[in-house]
């Protein structure tokens, strides 16, 4: 709960500390990772709304969301998009034995502490 309530403040303090220490660190430890994560999230979300090879749907939803085996494995679970759209409040988005959700497992561990 602390991280959820103070997320923005923590990020701003982290960025400010890096910027004050060295602008090189600010760029390499804040700007570049933030840009890469932004790209990863939006690319996977866009691709997961297309019916491409190895895509399937566990649930009939009102959108065009699909799960994709390759994207799911490479993104550590973020590619199980149809599962996410079926129940957006689930922390772990797996419904078949091959759907591994590493991000969800990490979030579960963090939420227990």
C-alpha atoms as a PDB file:
ATOM      1  CA  UNK A   1       0.000   0.000   0.000  1.00  0.00           C
ATOM      2  CA  UNK A   2       2.856   2.392   0.776  1.00  0.00           C
ATOM      3  CA  UNK A   3       4.261   2.052  -2.753  1.00  0.00           C
ATOM      4  CA  UNK A   4       0.829   2.567  -4.295  1.00  0.00           C
ATOM      5  CA  UNK A   5       0.112   5.646  -2.206  1.00  0.00           C
ATOM      6  CA  UNK A   6       3.519   7.271  -2.737  1.00  0.00           C
ATOM      7  CA  UNK A   7       4.564   5.969  -6.169  1.00  0.00           C
ATOM      8  CA  UNK A   8       4.785   9.363  -7.885  1.00  0.00           C
ATOM      9  CA  UNK A   9       6.740  10.941  -5.025  1.00  0.00           C
ATOM     10  CA  UNK A  10       9.206   8.030  -4.971  1.00  0.00           C
ATOM     11  CA  UNK A  11       9.785   8.265  -8.723  1.00  0.00           C
ATOM     12  CA  UNK A  12      10.325  12.044  -8.587  1.00  0.00           C
ATOM     13  CA  UNK A  13      12.798  11.743  -5.696  1.00  0.00           C
ATOM     14  CA  UNK A  14      14.657   8.925  -7.490  1.00  0.00           C
ATOM     15  CA  UNK A  15      14.887  10.987 -10.698  1.00  0.00           C
ATOM     16  CA  UNK A  16      15.994  14.110  -8.814  1.00  0.00           C
ATOM     17  CA  UNK A  17      18.700  12.230  -6.893  1.00  0.00           C
ATOM     18  CA  UNK A  18      20.064  10.717 -10.108  1.00  0.00           C
ATOM     19  CA  UNK A  19      20.008  14.104 -11.820  1.00  0.00           C
ATOM     20  CA  UNK A  20      21.854  15.754  -8.925  1.00  0.00           C
ATOM     21  CA  UNK A  21      24.474  12.998  -8.749  1.00  0.00           C
ATOM     22  CA  UNK A  22      25.210  12.913 -12.468  1.00  0.00           C
ATOM     23  CA  UNK A  23      23.107  13.662 -15.572  1.00  0.00           C
ATOM     24  CA  UNK A  24      24.665  10.573 -17.227  1.00  0.00           C
ATOM     25  CA  UNK A  25      23.151   8.372 -14.523  1.00  0.00           C
ATOM     26  CA  UNK A  26      19.811  10.168 -14.865  1.00  0.00           C
ATOM     27  CA  UNK A  27      19.674   9.380 -18.577  1.00  0.00           C
ATOM     28  CA  UNK A  28      20.926   5.789 -18.285  1.00  0.00           C
ATOM     29  CA  UNK A  29      19.112   4.767 -15.099  1.00  0.00           C
ATOM     30  CA  UNK A  30      15.862   6.694 -15.524  1.00  0.00           C
ATOM     31  CA  UNK A  31      15.109   8.076 -19.001  1.00  0.00           C
ATOM     32  CA  UNK A  32      16.213   5.092 -21.113  1.00  0.00           C
ATOM     33  CA  UNK A  33      14.546   2.394 -18.934  1.00  0.00           C
ATOM     34  CA  UNK A  34      11.332   4.455 -18.728  1.00  0.00           C
ATOM     35  CA  UNK A  35      11.272   4.876 -22.511  1.00  0.00           C
ATOM     36  CA  UNK A  36      11.938   1.162 -23.100  1.00  0.00           C
ATOM     37  CA  UNK A  37       9.202   0.111 -20.662  1.00  0.00           C
ATOM     38  CA  UNK A  38       6.769   2.551 -22.271  1.00  0.00           C
ATOM     39  CA  UNK A  39       7.563   1.104 -25.710  1.00  0.00           C
ATOM     40  CA  UNK A  40       7.331  -2.513 -24.465  1.00  0.00           C
ATOM     41  CA  UNK A  41       3.978  -1.983 -22.790  1.00  0.00           C
ATOM     42  CA  UNK A  42       2.383  -0.223 -25.747  1.00  0.00           C
ATOM     43  CA  UNK A  43       3.852  -2.577 -28.365  1.00  0.00           C
ATOM     44  CA  UNK A  44       2.648  -5.698 -26.557  1.00  0.00           C
ATOM     45  CA  UNK A  45      -0.766  -4.172 -25.920  1.00  0.00           C
ATOM     46  CA  UNK A  46      -1.139  -3.255 -29.603  1.00  0.00           C
ATOM     47  CA  UNK A  47       0.115  -6.592 -30.932  1.00  0.00           C
ATOM     48  CA  UNK A  48      -2.134  -8.484 -28.502  1.00  0.00           C
ATOM     49  CA  UNK A  49      -5.190  -6.991 -30.176  1.00  0.00           C
ATOM     50  CA  UNK A  50      -4.288  -8.609 -33.513  1.00  0.00           C
ATOM     51  CA  UNK A  51      -4.955 -12.147 -34.629  1.00  0.00           C
ATOM     52  CA  UNK A  52      -1.411 -13.181 -35.539  1.00  0.00           C
ATOM     53  CA  UNK A  53       0.124 -16.691 -35.657  1.00  0.00           C
ATOM     54  CA  UNK A  54       0.068 -18.532 -32.311  1.00  0.00           C
ATOM     55  CA  UNK A  55      -2.748 -16.294 -31.031  1.00  0.00           C
ATOM     56  CA  UNK A  56      -5.810 -17.695 -29.301  1.00  0.00           C
ATOM     57  CA  UNK A  57      -8.661 -16.591 -27.084  1.00  0.00           C
ATOM     58  CA  UNK A  58      -9.621 -18.289 -23.815  1.00  0.00           C
ATOM     59  CA  UNK A  59     -12.640 -16.009 -23.358  1.00  0.00           C
ATOM     60  CA  UNK A  60     -15.124 -14.251 -25.616  1.00  0.00           C
ATOM     61  CA  UNK A  61     -14.692 -10.585 -24.787  1.00  0.00           C
ATOM     62  CA  UNK A  62     -16.187  -7.523 -26.463  1.00  0.00           C
ATOM     63  CA  UNK A  63     -12.782  -6.436 -27.779  1.00  0.00           C
ATOM     64  CA  UNK A  64     -10.325  -8.148 -30.109  1.00  0.00           C
ATOM     65  CA  UNK A  65      -7.798  -9.145 -27.428  1.00  0.00           C
ATOM     66  CA  UNK A  66      -5.783 -12.324 -27.946  1.00  0.00           C
ATOM     67  CA  UNK A  67      -3.285 -14.356 -25.975  1.00  0.00           C
ATOM     68  CA  UNK A  68      -0.081 -15.130 -27.858  1.00  0.00           C
ATOM     69  CA  UNK A  69       2.315 -17.905 -26.871  1.00  0.00           C
ATOM     70  CA  UNK A  70       5.524 -16.210 -28.084  1.00  0.00           C
ATOM     71  CA  UNK A  71       4.637 -12.768 -26.706  1.00  0.00           C
ATOM     72  CA  UNK A  72       3.449 -14.303 -23.431  1.00  0.00           C
ATOM     73  CA  UNK A  73       6.720 -16.140 -22.872  1.00  0.00           C
ATOM     74  CA  UNK A  74       9.015 -13.329 -24.057  1.00  0.00           C
ATOM     75  CA  UNK A  75       7.192 -10.726 -21.957  1.00  0.00           C
ATOM     76  CA  UNK A  76       7.131 -12.897 -18.807  1.00  0.00           C
ATOM     77  CA  UNK A  77       3.323 -13.086 -18.848  1.00  0.00           C
ATOM     78  CA  UNK A  78       2.228  -9.726 -20.247  1.00  0.00           C
ATOM     79  CA  UNK A  79       1.110 -11.408 -23.480  1.00  0.00           C
ATOM     80  CA  UNK A  80      -1.860 -13.214 -21.921  1.00  0.00           C
ATOM     81  CA  UNK A  81      -3.940 -10.209 -22.933  1.00  0.00           C
ATOM     82  CA  UNK A  82      -7.293 -11.945 -23.488  1.00  0.00           C
ATOM     83  CA  UNK A  83      -7.089 -13.360 -19.961  1.00  0.00           C
ATOM     84  CA  UNK A  84      -6.401  -9.839 -18.662  1.00  0.00           C
ATOM     85  CA  UNK A  85      -9.370  -8.377 -20.551  1.00  0.00           C
ATOM     86  CA  UNK A  86     -11.641 -11.133 -19.207  1.00  0.00           C
ATOM     87  CA  UNK A  87     -10.815 -10.324 -15.573  1.00  0.00           C
ATOM     88  CA  UNK A  88      -8.767  -7.153 -15.158  1.00  0.00           C
ATOM     89  CA  UNK A  89      -8.521  -7.447 -11.384  1.00  0.00           C
ATOM     90  CA  UNK A  90      -6.677 -10.783 -11.418  1.00  0.00           C
ATOM     91  CA  UNK A  91      -3.049 -10.532 -10.366  1.00  0.00           C
ATOM     92  CA  UNK A  92      -2.058 -13.772 -12.102  1.00  0.00           C
ATOM     93  CA  UNK A  93      -3.375 -13.965 -15.676  1.00  0.00           C
ATOM     94  CA  UNK A  94      -2.945 -17.652 -16.455  1.00  0.00           C
ATOM     95  CA  UNK A  95      -5.602 -20.226 -17.299  1.00  0.00           C
ATOM     96  CA  UNK A  96      -3.659 -22.950 -19.135  1.00  0.00           C
ATOM     97  CA  UNK A  97      -0.591 -24.901 -18.054  1.00  0.00           C
ATOM     98  CA  UNK A  98       1.742 -23.215 -20.585  1.00  0.00           C
ATOM     99  CA  UNK A  99       0.695 -19.683 -19.605  1.00  0.00           C
ATOM    100  CA  UNK A 100       3.498 -18.659 -17.262  1.00  0.00           C
ATOM    101  CA  UNK A 101       3.070 -15.246 -15.614  1.00  0.00           C
ATOM    102  CA  UNK A 102       6.383 -14.235 -14.016  1.00  0.00           C
ATOM    103  CA  UNK A 103       5.291 -10.591 -13.643  1.00  0.00           C
ATOM    104  CA  UNK A 104       2.157 -11.700 -11.816  1.00  0.00           C
ATOM    105  CA  UNK A 105       4.141 -13.975  -9.499  1.00  0.00           C
ATOM    106  CA  UNK A 106       6.537 -11.116  -8.662  1.00  0.00           C
ATOM    107  CA  UNK A 107       3.573  -8.820  -7.988  1.00  0.00           C
ATOM    108  CA  UNK A 108       2.077 -11.482  -5.690  1.00  0.00           C
ATOM    109  CA  UNK A 109       5.335 -11.693  -3.728  1.00  0.00           C
ATOM    110  CA  UNK A 110       5.534  -7.903  -3.418  1.00  0.00           C
ATOM    111  CA  UNK A 111       1.895  -7.640  -2.323  1.00  0.00           C
ATOM    112  CA  UNK A 112       2.480 -10.122   0.526  1.00  0.00           C
ATOM    113  CA  UNK A 113       5.294  -8.087   2.073  1.00  0.00           C
END
